[in-house]
Each structure stands twice: as C-alpha cells, then as structure tokens.
Amino acid sequence: MPHTKSQEKRDRQAIASRARNRSVRSELKTRARKVEEAAESGDREATEQALRSAQKRIDQAVAKGVLKQNTANRRKARLARQAL
C-alpha cells in the first residue's frame, strides 16, 4: 500500500508502462518469427521485407526505452544472420 500520493501515481504509471512494454516486446517476437519463417520458406524478397520491418520496430523500441541499444544491436545482428 503506497504511503504518499506520489507513490500512488508512480504505481499507476508503472502499470501503464508495463502493459505498453509487454505489447512492444510481444510484437518484436512476432516480427522475429516472421523473419525466421520467411527465411525458411526461401522467399528472398519476403525475407528482406520482414527483416527491414523487424529492424525498424527494434529501433522504435529503443527510442521508447523498451530495449537498450546494445540489446537491439544484438537482436538485429542475429536476425540478419538468420535471413542469409
């Protein structure tokens, strides 16, 4: 139970940001899976499009503070390696 009004507000903000962050992380996983599926199918154009889309969303997650920059770089590198 919060003792101050400021802590009550922080609790509300934490709940909202947690929901937002979970949504973003879930979308990142979905986009990564689409890259893998496209790479396995052998469709080069679809793979490149899925990779660009995933990389864009990863960069947006960094801008929103959901991911750290190094984590984003690592994920993008791994996805690019899978897309080959």
N, C-alpha and C. Protein backbone atom coordinates (compact mmCIF):
# COMPACT_ATOMS: atom_id res chain seq x y z
N MET A 1 0.85 -1.18 0.00
CA MET A 1 0.00 0.00 0.00
C MET A 1 0.89 1.25 0.00
N PRO A 2 0.70 2.15 -0.97
CA PRO A 2 1.54 3.34 -1.02
C PRO A 2 1.22 4.30 0.13
N HIS A 3 2.26 4.96 0.60
CA HIS A 3 2.10 5.89 1.72
C HIS A 3 1.91 7.33 1.26
N THR A 4 2.31 7.63 0.02
CA THR A 4 2.22 9.01 -0.45
C THR A 4 1.48 9.07 -1.78
N LYS A 5 1.02 10.28 -2.09
CA LYS A 5 0.33 10.47 -3.36
C LYS A 5 1.27 10.24 -4.54
N SER A 6 2.52 10.64 -4.38
CA SER A 6 3.47 10.46 -5.48
C SER A 6 3.73 8.98 -5.75
N GLN A 7 3.73 8.17 -4.70
CA GLN A 7 3.91 6.73 -4.90
C GLN A 7 2.68 6.11 -5.55
N GLU A 8 1.49 6.61 -5.21
CA GLU A 8 0.28 6.12 -5.87
C GLU A 8 0.36 6.39 -7.37
N LYS A 9 0.83 7.59 -7.72
CA LYS A 9 0.94 7.96 -9.13
C LYS A 9 1.99 7.08 -9.82
N ARG A 10 3.14 6.86 -9.18
CA ARG A 10 4.19 6.02 -9.77
C ARG A 10 3.67 4.60 -10.00
N ASP A 11 2.85 4.11 -9.08
CA ASP A 11 2.28 2.77 -9.24
C ASP A 11 1.37 2.71 -10.46
N ARG A 12 0.55 3.76 -10.65
CA ARG A 12 -0.32 3.81 -11.82
C ARG A 12 0.51 3.88 -13.10
N GLN A 13 1.55 4.70 -13.08
CA GLN A 13 2.40 4.83 -14.26
C GLN A 13 3.12 3.52 -14.57
N ALA A 14 3.55 2.83 -13.54
CA ALA A 14 4.26 1.56 -13.73
C ALA A 14 3.34 0.52 -14.38
N ILE A 15 2.09 0.50 -13.97
CA ILE A 15 1.14 -0.44 -14.56
C ILE A 15 0.94 -0.13 -16.04
N ALA A 16 0.80 1.15 -16.37
CA ALA A 16 0.60 1.55 -17.76
C ALA A 16 1.82 1.24 -18.61
N SER A 17 3.01 1.56 -18.09
CA SER A 17 4.22 1.33 -18.89
C SER A 17 4.50 -0.15 -19.03
N ARG A 18 4.17 -0.94 -18.03
CA ARG A 18 4.37 -2.39 -18.12
C ARG A 18 3.51 -2.97 -19.23
N ALA A 19 2.27 -2.52 -19.31
CA ALA A 19 1.38 -3.00 -20.37
C ALA A 19 1.91 -2.60 -21.74
N ARG A 20 2.38 -1.37 -21.86
CA ARG A 20 2.93 -0.89 -23.13
C ARG A 20 4.17 -1.68 -23.52
N ASN A 21 5.06 -1.87 -22.54
CA ASN A 21 6.31 -2.59 -22.81
C ASN A 21 6.04 -4.04 -23.21
N ARG A 22 5.09 -4.69 -22.54
CA ARG A 22 4.76 -6.07 -22.88
C ARG A 22 4.24 -6.15 -24.31
N SER A 23 3.44 -5.19 -24.70
CA SER A 23 2.89 -5.16 -26.06
C SER A 23 4.01 -5.01 -27.09
N VAL A 24 4.95 -4.12 -26.82
CA VAL A 24 6.05 -3.90 -27.75
C VAL A 24 6.92 -5.15 -27.85
N ARG A 25 7.25 -5.75 -26.70
CA ARG A 25 8.08 -6.96 -26.71
C ARG A 25 7.40 -8.10 -27.45
N SER A 26 6.10 -8.22 -27.28
CA SER A 26 5.35 -9.26 -27.96
C SER A 26 5.41 -9.05 -29.47
N GLU A 27 5.27 -7.81 -29.90
CA GLU A 27 5.34 -7.53 -31.33
C GLU A 27 6.73 -7.83 -31.88
N LEU A 28 7.77 -7.55 -31.11
CA LEU A 28 9.13 -7.84 -31.56
C LEU A 28 9.31 -9.34 -31.77
N LYS A 29 8.77 -10.14 -30.87
CA LYS A 29 8.87 -11.59 -31.02
C LYS A 29 8.13 -12.06 -32.27
N THR A 30 6.95 -11.48 -32.51
CA THR A 30 6.17 -11.85 -33.69
C THR A 30 6.93 -11.52 -34.96
N ARG A 31 7.52 -10.33 -35.00
CA ARG A 31 8.27 -9.92 -36.20
C ARG A 31 9.49 -10.79 -36.41
N ALA A 32 10.17 -11.18 -35.34
CA ALA A 32 11.34 -12.06 -35.45
C ALA A 32 10.90 -13.42 -36.00
N ARG A 33 9.77 -13.91 -35.53
CA ARG A 33 9.26 -15.19 -36.02
C ARG A 33 8.93 -15.11 -37.51
N LYS A 34 8.39 -13.97 -37.95
CA LYS A 34 8.06 -13.82 -39.37
C LYS A 34 9.33 -13.82 -40.22
N VAL A 35 10.42 -13.25 -39.71
CA VAL A 35 11.69 -13.28 -40.42
C VAL A 35 12.16 -14.72 -40.56
N GLU A 36 12.10 -15.47 -39.47
CA GLU A 36 12.53 -16.88 -39.49
C GLU A 36 11.70 -17.69 -40.48
N GLU A 37 10.38 -17.49 -40.45
CA GLU A 37 9.51 -18.25 -41.35
C GLU A 37 9.79 -17.91 -42.81
N ALA A 38 10.01 -16.61 -43.09
CA ALA A 38 10.28 -16.20 -44.46
C ALA A 38 11.62 -16.76 -44.92
N ALA A 39 12.61 -16.80 -44.04
CA ALA A 39 13.93 -17.33 -44.40
C ALA A 39 13.84 -18.82 -44.68
N GLU A 40 13.05 -19.54 -43.89
CA GLU A 40 12.90 -20.98 -44.09
C GLU A 40 12.16 -21.30 -45.39
N SER A 41 11.24 -20.42 -45.77
CA SER A 41 10.48 -20.65 -47.00
C SER A 41 11.33 -20.44 -48.23
N GLY A 42 12.42 -19.68 -48.09
CA GLY A 42 13.32 -19.44 -49.21
C GLY A 42 12.93 -18.25 -50.06
N ASP A 43 11.88 -17.54 -49.69
CA ASP A 43 11.46 -16.35 -50.45
C ASP A 43 12.34 -15.17 -50.05
N ARG A 44 13.28 -14.82 -50.91
CA ARG A 44 14.29 -13.79 -50.60
C ARG A 44 13.64 -12.42 -50.36
N GLU A 45 12.72 -12.06 -51.23
CA GLU A 45 12.09 -10.74 -51.12
C GLU A 45 11.27 -10.61 -49.83
N ALA A 46 10.52 -11.65 -49.51
CA ALA A 46 9.71 -11.62 -48.29
C ALA A 46 10.61 -11.58 -47.05
N THR A 47 11.74 -12.28 -47.12
CA THR A 47 12.67 -12.28 -46.00
C THR A 47 13.24 -10.89 -45.78
N GLU A 48 13.66 -10.25 -46.86
CA GLU A 48 14.23 -8.89 -46.74
C GLU A 48 13.21 -7.91 -46.21
N GLN A 49 11.98 -8.03 -46.68
CA GLN A 49 10.92 -7.12 -46.21
C GLN A 49 10.63 -7.36 -44.73
N ALA A 50 10.57 -8.60 -44.32
CA ALA A 50 10.31 -8.93 -42.92
C ALA A 50 11.46 -8.45 -42.04
N LEU A 51 12.69 -8.59 -42.54
CA LEU A 51 13.86 -8.15 -41.80
C LEU A 51 13.86 -6.65 -41.60
N ARG A 52 13.56 -5.90 -42.67
CA ARG A 52 13.51 -4.44 -42.56
C ARG A 52 12.44 -4.01 -41.56
N SER A 53 11.29 -4.66 -41.63
CA SER A 53 10.19 -4.35 -40.72
C SER A 53 10.59 -4.63 -39.26
N ALA A 54 11.23 -5.76 -39.03
CA ALA A 54 11.65 -6.12 -37.67
C ALA A 54 12.70 -5.16 -37.15
N GLN A 55 13.66 -4.79 -38.00
CA GLN A 55 14.71 -3.87 -37.58
C GLN A 55 14.13 -2.50 -37.23
N LYS A 56 13.15 -2.07 -38.00
CA LYS A 56 12.51 -0.78 -37.74
C LYS A 56 11.82 -0.80 -36.38
N ARG A 57 11.10 -1.88 -36.08
CA ARG A 57 10.40 -1.99 -34.80
C ARG A 57 11.38 -2.09 -33.63
N ILE A 58 12.49 -2.75 -33.85
CA ILE A 58 13.51 -2.84 -32.79
C ILE A 58 14.05 -1.44 -32.49
N ASP A 59 14.32 -0.67 -33.53
CA ASP A 59 14.82 0.70 -33.33
C ASP A 59 13.78 1.57 -32.62
N GLN A 60 12.51 1.37 -32.94
CA GLN A 60 11.47 2.12 -32.27
C GLN A 60 11.37 1.74 -30.79
N ALA A 61 11.61 0.46 -30.50
CA ALA A 61 11.58 0.02 -29.10
C ALA A 61 12.71 0.68 -28.31
N VAL A 62 13.86 0.87 -28.94
CA VAL A 62 14.97 1.56 -28.29
C VAL A 62 14.58 3.01 -28.01
N ALA A 63 13.96 3.64 -28.99
CA ALA A 63 13.55 5.04 -28.84
C ALA A 63 12.55 5.21 -27.70
N LYS A 64 11.71 4.20 -27.50
CA LYS A 64 10.71 4.27 -26.43
C LYS A 64 11.27 3.85 -25.08
N GLY A 65 12.49 3.31 -25.08
CA GLY A 65 13.10 2.89 -23.82
C GLY A 65 12.74 1.48 -23.41
N VAL A 66 12.17 0.71 -24.32
CA VAL A 66 11.79 -0.67 -24.00
C VAL A 66 13.02 -1.57 -24.03
N LEU A 67 13.92 -1.31 -24.98
CA LEU A 67 15.16 -2.07 -25.10
C LEU A 67 16.35 -1.13 -24.98
N LYS A 68 17.48 -1.69 -24.54
CA LYS A 68 18.73 -0.93 -24.57
C LYS A 68 19.35 -1.06 -25.95
N GLN A 69 20.20 -0.11 -26.29
CA GLN A 69 20.79 -0.07 -27.63
C GLN A 69 21.60 -1.32 -27.95
N ASN A 70 22.39 -1.80 -27.00
CA ASN A 70 23.22 -2.97 -27.26
C ASN A 70 22.36 -4.22 -27.49
N THR A 71 21.29 -4.34 -26.73
CA THR A 71 20.37 -5.46 -26.90
C THR A 71 19.75 -5.41 -28.29
N ALA A 72 19.36 -4.21 -28.71
CA ALA A 72 18.76 -4.05 -30.04
C ALA A 72 19.75 -4.41 -31.13
N ASN A 73 20.99 -3.95 -30.99
CA ASN A 73 22.01 -4.27 -31.99
C ASN A 73 22.24 -5.78 -32.09
N ARG A 74 22.27 -6.44 -30.94
CA ARG A 74 22.47 -7.89 -30.92
C ARG A 74 21.31 -8.61 -31.61
N ARG A 75 20.10 -8.19 -31.30
CA ARG A 75 18.93 -8.82 -31.92
C ARG A 75 18.90 -8.61 -33.43
N LYS A 76 19.22 -7.40 -33.87
CA LYS A 76 19.23 -7.12 -35.30
C LYS A 76 20.31 -7.94 -36.01
N ALA A 77 21.46 -8.08 -35.39
CA ALA A 77 22.54 -8.87 -36.00
C ALA A 77 22.13 -10.34 -36.12
N ARG A 78 21.50 -10.86 -35.09
CA ARG A 78 21.07 -12.26 -35.13
C ARG A 78 20.01 -12.48 -36.20
N LEU A 79 19.08 -11.53 -36.30
CA LEU A 79 18.05 -11.66 -37.32
C LEU A 79 18.66 -11.60 -38.72
N ALA A 80 19.61 -10.68 -38.91
CA ALA A 80 20.24 -10.55 -40.22
C ALA A 80 20.99 -11.82 -40.59
N ARG A 81 21.62 -12.45 -39.60
CA ARG A 81 22.35 -13.69 -39.86
C ARG A 81 21.37 -14.81 -40.24
N GLN A 82 20.21 -14.84 -39.62
CA GLN A 82 19.21 -15.85 -39.95
C GLN A 82 18.65 -15.64 -41.34
N ALA A 83 18.57 -14.38 -41.76
CA ALA A 83 17.96 -14.06 -43.04
C ALA A 83 18.86 -14.44 -44.21
N LEU A 84 20.12 -14.73 -43.98
CA LEU A 84 21.03 -15.07 -45.07
C LEU A 84 20.66 -16.36 -45.76
